[in-house]
Amino acid sequence: MRADSRSFSATVAPCLAAVCLALAVVACGSSTSEPGPPAPAAAPTENPVDPATAVTITGTVRFEGTQPKPDPIVMESDPYCADRNRNAMTSRVVVGTGGGLQNVFVHVKAGLGTLRFPVPATPVVLDQRNCAYVPRVFGIQVGQPLEILNSDSTLHNIHAMPEANREFNRGQSMQGQKDTHIFSAAEVMVPFKCDVHRWMNAWVGILEHPFYAVTAADGTFELKGLPPGTYTIEAWHETLGRQTETVTIGARQIGTLSFRFGAS
C-alpha cells in the first residue's frame, strides 16, 4: 500500500501542479482587463418639441436697389437643350412682386442646443428637367436620402462639390435614370454643377434638423414647430451672400423677421 501511495503521488502531483499553474496564468491575465466605456446613448426617434408650446417664425426676404440684368444662356452645344430653352436667361437673382427675393435658403443657424431630431425616410428629389436643376435651391437633413433624377433624353452629370462631405460626380445618360446619395455632415451650402452643361447649377443646405425653408416667389418663408427660445436665423443667397437675425419667441407665439439684400 505504501508503494502504491508513493506511485500515485508521484503521478498525480505534477498534473495538479500544471493545472494550478494554468489557472493562475488565466486568472492573472483576466485581472488586468478593464471594462470598456459605456455605449453612447442612441439619438431620440421622436421629435422632442412639445406641440402644445411650439412656435413659428415667419418672414420676408426682399431685394432693394436695381435688379441685375439677366444674361442669355447659350445652349447650342446640345441641340436637345437648345430646342427646349429658346431665349433662356440666367436666373441667379429672381425678384417677384413687391421686391420679394426668391430662392433664398433660410434656416436656424443656432439656438437648438443639443436637441436631436428624427431623419425623414422620404427622399428629397433633385430633378434634371429641360436642362436645368429643379429645384435650384433646396434643403435636406443629414442622413436623409437625396434622389437624383434625369427627366431629359440627354446626358447629364451631377457634380457635388462639398467641403465637409464627400465629393461625388455621377453621369446619367438615360431618361428616367435615378441615383441616391446620403450626406453625412451638416453643411450650408453645397454647390452642384453639370460638367456637360455649364449653365446648370443648384445648391443644397444640409442640416441636423428640419427647420429650414426656401423663399417663395414673393420672398416669404416659414419655419414651423420650433420649441420656444432664442434663435439665430440665417438667410443665404447664391450671389448676394448671407445675413443673420436673432429672435426670441415664447410658447405658442409667432416671430416675424425681415431680411433685405441689395446688389453690391
Protein backbone atom coordinates (compact mmCIF):
# COMPACT_ATOMS: atom_id res chain seq x y z
CA MET A 1 0.00 0.00 0.00
CA ARG A 2 2.86 2.44 0.78
CA ALA A 3 4.48 1.75 -2.57
CA ASP A 4 1.15 2.34 -4.37
CA SER A 5 0.62 5.62 -2.44
CA ARG A 6 4.07 6.92 -3.41
CA SER A 7 3.38 5.96 -7.04
CA PHE A 8 0.02 7.80 -7.03
CA SER A 9 1.56 10.93 -5.52
CA ALA A 10 4.40 10.91 -8.00
CA THR A 11 1.96 10.63 -10.90
CA VAL A 12 -0.82 12.97 -9.84
CA ALA A 13 1.15 15.74 -8.12
CA PRO A 14 2.83 17.06 -11.30
CA CYS A 15 -0.56 17.10 -13.08
CA LEU A 16 -2.17 19.04 -10.28
CA ALA A 17 0.69 21.49 -10.28
CA ALA A 18 0.33 22.05 -14.02
CA VAL A 19 -3.42 22.64 -13.70
CA CYS A 20 -2.90 25.12 -10.88
CA LEU A 21 -0.26 26.97 -12.88
CA ALA A 22 -2.58 27.22 -15.89
CA LEU A 23 -5.40 28.54 -13.71
CA ALA A 24 -3.07 31.06 -12.16
CA VAL A 25 -1.98 32.32 -15.58
CA VAL A 26 -5.60 32.70 -16.73
CA ALA A 27 -6.56 34.44 -13.51
CA CYS A 28 -3.60 36.78 -13.77
CA GLY A 29 -4.43 37.67 -17.36
CA SER A 30 -8.11 38.41 -16.69
CA SER A 31 -7.38 40.60 -13.71
CA THR A 32 -5.61 43.21 -15.89
CA SER A 33 -8.53 43.78 -18.30
CA GLU A 34 -10.71 46.87 -17.78
CA PRO A 35 -14.35 47.26 -18.84
CA GLY A 36 -14.80 49.38 -21.97
CA PRO A 37 -16.59 52.73 -21.98
CA PRO A 38 -20.39 52.63 -21.99
CA ALA A 39 -22.05 52.70 -25.39
CA PRO A 40 -23.26 56.18 -26.43
CA ALA A 41 -26.95 56.85 -25.97
CA ALA A 42 -28.98 56.45 -29.14
CA ALA A 43 -30.45 59.58 -30.70
CA PRO A 44 -34.15 60.05 -29.97
CA THR A 45 -36.51 58.69 -32.57
CA GLU A 46 -39.26 61.20 -31.84
CA ASN A 47 -39.43 64.96 -32.24
CA PRO A 48 -38.50 66.46 -28.83
CA VAL A 49 -40.72 69.53 -29.39
CA ASP A 50 -43.98 69.73 -27.43
CA PRO A 51 -46.71 70.64 -29.96
CA ALA A 52 -48.62 72.48 -27.21
CA THR A 53 -45.83 75.06 -26.86
CA ALA A 54 -44.30 75.02 -30.37
CA VAL A 55 -43.61 78.33 -32.09
CA THR A 56 -43.39 79.58 -35.67
CA ILE A 57 -41.02 82.02 -37.37
CA THR A 58 -42.27 83.76 -40.48
CA GLY A 59 -40.72 86.45 -42.59
CA THR A 60 -39.89 88.02 -45.90
CA VAL A 61 -36.68 88.46 -47.87
CA ARG A 62 -36.67 91.47 -50.19
CA PHE A 63 -34.34 92.82 -52.81
CA GLU A 64 -33.53 96.54 -52.75
CA GLY A 65 -31.93 98.57 -55.50
CA THR A 66 -31.54 97.96 -59.20
CA GLN A 67 -32.09 94.36 -60.15
CA PRO A 68 -29.15 92.83 -62.09
CA LYS A 69 -29.94 92.23 -65.73
CA PRO A 70 -30.11 88.55 -66.72
CA ASP A 71 -27.70 87.22 -69.33
CA PRO A 72 -28.66 84.93 -72.20
CA ILE A 73 -27.72 81.27 -71.89
CA VAL A 74 -26.13 79.73 -74.97
CA MET A 75 -27.14 76.07 -75.26
CA GLU A 76 -26.13 75.33 -78.84
CA SER A 77 -23.62 72.73 -77.65
CA ASP A 78 -26.56 70.41 -77.00
CA PRO A 79 -29.41 70.62 -79.59
CA TYR A 80 -31.75 68.81 -77.17
CA CYS A 81 -31.32 71.60 -74.60
CA ALA A 82 -31.38 74.41 -77.14
CA ASP A 83 -34.67 73.16 -78.59
CA ARG A 84 -36.35 73.26 -75.17
CA ASN A 85 -34.93 76.54 -73.91
CA ARG A 86 -35.23 79.13 -76.64
CA ASN A 87 -34.28 82.59 -75.35
CA ALA A 88 -33.19 81.15 -71.98
CA MET A 89 -31.78 83.66 -69.48
CA THR A 90 -29.83 83.34 -66.24
CA SER A 91 -31.91 83.12 -63.05
CA ARG A 92 -29.46 83.93 -60.26
CA VAL A 93 -31.46 86.88 -58.89
CA VAL A 94 -35.23 86.36 -59.18
CA VAL A 95 -37.33 89.23 -57.84
CA GLY A 96 -41.11 88.98 -57.58
CA THR A 97 -43.98 91.28 -56.74
CA GLY A 98 -43.12 93.86 -54.09
CA GLY A 99 -39.42 93.13 -54.33
CA GLY A 100 -39.65 89.63 -52.84
CA LEU A 101 -36.44 87.68 -53.42
CA GLN A 102 -36.87 84.05 -54.49
CA ASN A 103 -34.51 81.09 -53.90
CA VAL A 104 -33.13 82.29 -50.56
CA PHE A 105 -32.28 79.47 -48.14
CA VAL A 106 -33.43 80.38 -44.61
CA HIS A 107 -32.57 78.17 -41.64
CA VAL A 108 -31.98 78.02 -37.90
CA LYS A 109 -28.24 78.53 -37.51
CA ALA A 110 -28.10 78.46 -33.68
CA GLY A 111 -30.41 78.04 -30.71
CA LEU A 112 -31.43 74.37 -30.74
CA GLY A 113 -28.62 73.31 -28.39
CA THR A 114 -28.23 69.54 -28.13
CA LEU A 115 -31.72 68.65 -29.35
CA ARG A 116 -31.77 65.87 -31.93
CA PHE A 117 -34.50 65.23 -34.47
CA PRO A 118 -35.72 62.23 -36.47
CA VAL A 119 -34.41 61.85 -40.01
CA PRO A 120 -37.12 61.55 -42.69
CA ALA A 121 -37.08 58.35 -44.73
CA THR A 122 -38.79 60.10 -47.66
CA PRO A 123 -36.17 61.24 -50.18
CA VAL A 124 -35.69 64.78 -51.42
CA VAL A 125 -35.74 64.80 -55.23
CA LEU A 126 -33.33 66.82 -57.38
CA ASP A 127 -34.56 66.63 -60.97
CA GLN A 128 -32.75 67.44 -64.22
CA ARG A 129 -35.56 68.76 -66.36
CA ASN A 130 -35.32 70.74 -69.61
CA CYS A 131 -31.57 71.00 -68.97
CA ALA A 132 -31.91 72.71 -65.60
CA TYR A 133 -31.73 71.53 -62.00
CA VAL A 134 -35.15 71.58 -60.31
CA PRO A 135 -35.25 72.92 -57.65
CA ARG A 136 -32.34 75.32 -57.91
CA VAL A 137 -32.08 75.75 -54.11
CA PHE A 138 -33.28 73.18 -51.56
CA GLY A 139 -32.62 71.68 -48.14
CA ILE A 140 -32.16 68.22 -46.69
CA GLN A 141 -31.30 66.61 -43.35
CA VAL A 142 -28.13 64.68 -42.60
CA GLY A 143 -28.89 61.02 -43.31
CA GLN A 144 -31.95 61.72 -45.46
CA PRO A 145 -31.87 60.21 -48.96
CA LEU A 146 -31.31 62.52 -51.91
CA GLU A 147 -32.79 61.08 -55.10
CA ILE A 148 -31.21 62.50 -58.25
CA LEU A 149 -33.37 62.05 -61.34
CA ASN A 150 -32.75 62.64 -65.05
CA SER A 151 -36.02 63.55 -66.76
CA ASP A 152 -34.25 64.52 -70.02
CA SER A 153 -33.32 62.41 -73.03
CA THR A 154 -29.75 63.67 -72.97
CA LEU A 155 -26.59 63.11 -70.94
CA HIS A 156 -26.26 64.94 -67.62
CA ASN A 157 -23.80 64.60 -64.81
CA ILE A 158 -24.21 65.61 -61.20
CA HIS A 159 -21.04 67.02 -59.70
CA ALA A 160 -21.39 67.92 -56.00
CA MET A 161 -18.54 69.96 -54.54
CA PRO A 162 -18.87 69.95 -50.73
CA GLU A 163 -16.22 70.72 -48.12
CA ALA A 164 -17.49 68.81 -45.06
CA ASN A 165 -18.98 65.92 -47.06
CA ARG A 166 -17.62 63.56 -49.69
CA GLU A 167 -17.42 64.92 -53.23
CA PHE A 168 -19.16 62.91 -55.93
CA ASN A 169 -19.61 63.11 -59.70
CA ARG A 170 -22.12 60.82 -61.41
CA GLY A 171 -23.26 60.62 -65.01
CA GLN A 172 -26.82 59.89 -66.09
CA SER A 173 -27.22 59.15 -69.78
CA MET A 174 -30.78 57.79 -69.89
CA GLN A 175 -34.15 59.40 -69.31
CA GLY A 176 -35.62 58.17 -66.02
CA GLN A 177 -32.26 57.21 -64.54
CA LYS A 178 -32.02 57.66 -60.77
CA ASP A 179 -29.20 57.75 -58.23
CA THR A 180 -29.40 58.06 -54.45
CA HIS A 181 -26.92 59.85 -52.21
CA ILE A 182 -26.83 60.45 -48.44
CA PHE A 183 -24.86 63.29 -46.86
CA SER A 184 -23.07 62.54 -43.59
CA ALA A 185 -22.41 66.04 -42.20
CA ALA A 186 -24.16 69.38 -41.90
CA GLU A 187 -23.04 71.95 -44.50
CA VAL A 188 -24.61 75.19 -45.76
CA MET A 189 -24.35 75.37 -48.74
CA VAL A 190 -23.13 72.64 -51.14
CA PRO A 191 -22.97 73.58 -54.85
CA PHE A 192 -23.92 71.24 -57.70
CA LYS A 193 -22.90 71.66 -61.31
CA CYS A 194 -23.23 69.76 -64.56
CA ASP A 195 -19.87 69.40 -66.32
CA VAL A 196 -21.70 68.69 -69.60
CA HIS A 197 -23.89 71.82 -69.45
CA ARG A 198 -22.01 74.61 -67.68
CA TRP A 199 -25.15 76.73 -67.12
CA MET A 200 -26.72 74.10 -64.85
CA ASN A 201 -26.27 74.90 -61.14
CA ALA A 202 -28.02 74.06 -57.88
CA TRP A 203 -27.35 74.42 -54.13
CA VAL A 204 -28.37 72.32 -51.13
CA GLY A 205 -28.33 73.19 -47.44
CA ILE A 206 -27.64 70.13 -45.25
CA LEU A 207 -28.78 70.36 -41.64
CA GLU A 208 -29.11 68.25 -38.49
CA HIS A 209 -32.69 69.48 -38.02
CA PRO A 210 -35.82 70.15 -40.12
CA PHE A 211 -36.06 73.92 -39.54
CA TYR A 212 -35.27 75.38 -42.94
CA ALA A 213 -37.15 76.87 -45.89
CA VAL A 214 -36.60 78.34 -49.35
CA THR A 215 -38.30 81.63 -50.10
CA ALA A 216 -41.27 81.55 -52.43
CA ALA A 217 -41.82 83.79 -55.47
CA ASP A 218 -42.93 86.64 -53.19
CA GLY A 219 -39.91 86.25 -50.88
CA THR A 220 -41.83 84.76 -47.94
CA PHE A 221 -40.74 81.87 -45.70
CA GLU A 222 -42.00 79.96 -42.66
CA LEU A 223 -40.25 77.81 -40.03
CA LYS A 224 -42.82 75.80 -38.03
CA GLY A 225 -42.71 73.55 -34.96
CA LEU A 226 -39.79 75.08 -33.06
CA PRO A 227 -39.54 74.95 -29.27
CA PRO A 228 -39.72 78.34 -27.51
CA GLY A 229 -36.32 80.01 -27.29
CA THR A 230 -33.82 82.42 -28.79
CA TYR A 231 -32.64 81.66 -32.32
CA THR A 232 -30.15 82.92 -34.85
CA ILE A 233 -31.72 82.72 -38.29
CA GLU A 234 -29.54 82.84 -41.41
CA ALA A 235 -30.65 83.80 -44.92
CA TRP A 236 -28.36 82.72 -47.79
CA HIS A 237 -28.43 83.75 -51.44
CA GLU A 238 -26.17 82.33 -54.14
CA THR A 239 -24.79 85.71 -55.30
CA LEU A 240 -25.90 88.21 -52.63
CA GLY A 241 -24.32 86.49 -49.62
CA ARG A 242 -25.55 85.76 -46.10
CA GLN A 243 -27.38 87.67 -43.38
CA THR A 244 -28.39 86.74 -39.83
CA GLU A 245 -31.08 87.94 -37.44
CA THR A 246 -31.81 86.96 -33.83
CA VAL A 247 -35.31 86.42 -32.45
CA THR A 248 -36.70 85.34 -29.06
CA ILE A 249 -40.08 83.62 -29.05
CA GLY A 250 -42.27 82.47 -26.15
CA ALA A 251 -44.58 79.47 -26.11
CA ARG A 252 -47.21 79.40 -28.85
CA GLN A 253 -46.02 82.70 -30.30
CA ILE A 254 -45.21 83.69 -33.89
CA GLY A 255 -41.98 85.57 -34.55
CA THR A 256 -41.57 87.76 -37.63
CA LEU A 257 -38.30 88.59 -39.38
CA SER A 258 -37.34 90.70 -42.37
CA PHE A 259 -34.20 90.42 -44.49
CA ARG A 260 -33.01 92.95 -47.07
CA PHE A 261 -30.50 92.17 -49.83
CA GLY A 262 -29.10 94.57 -52.39
CA ALA A 263 -26.73 94.39 -55.33
CA SER A 264 -23.12 95.10 -54.43
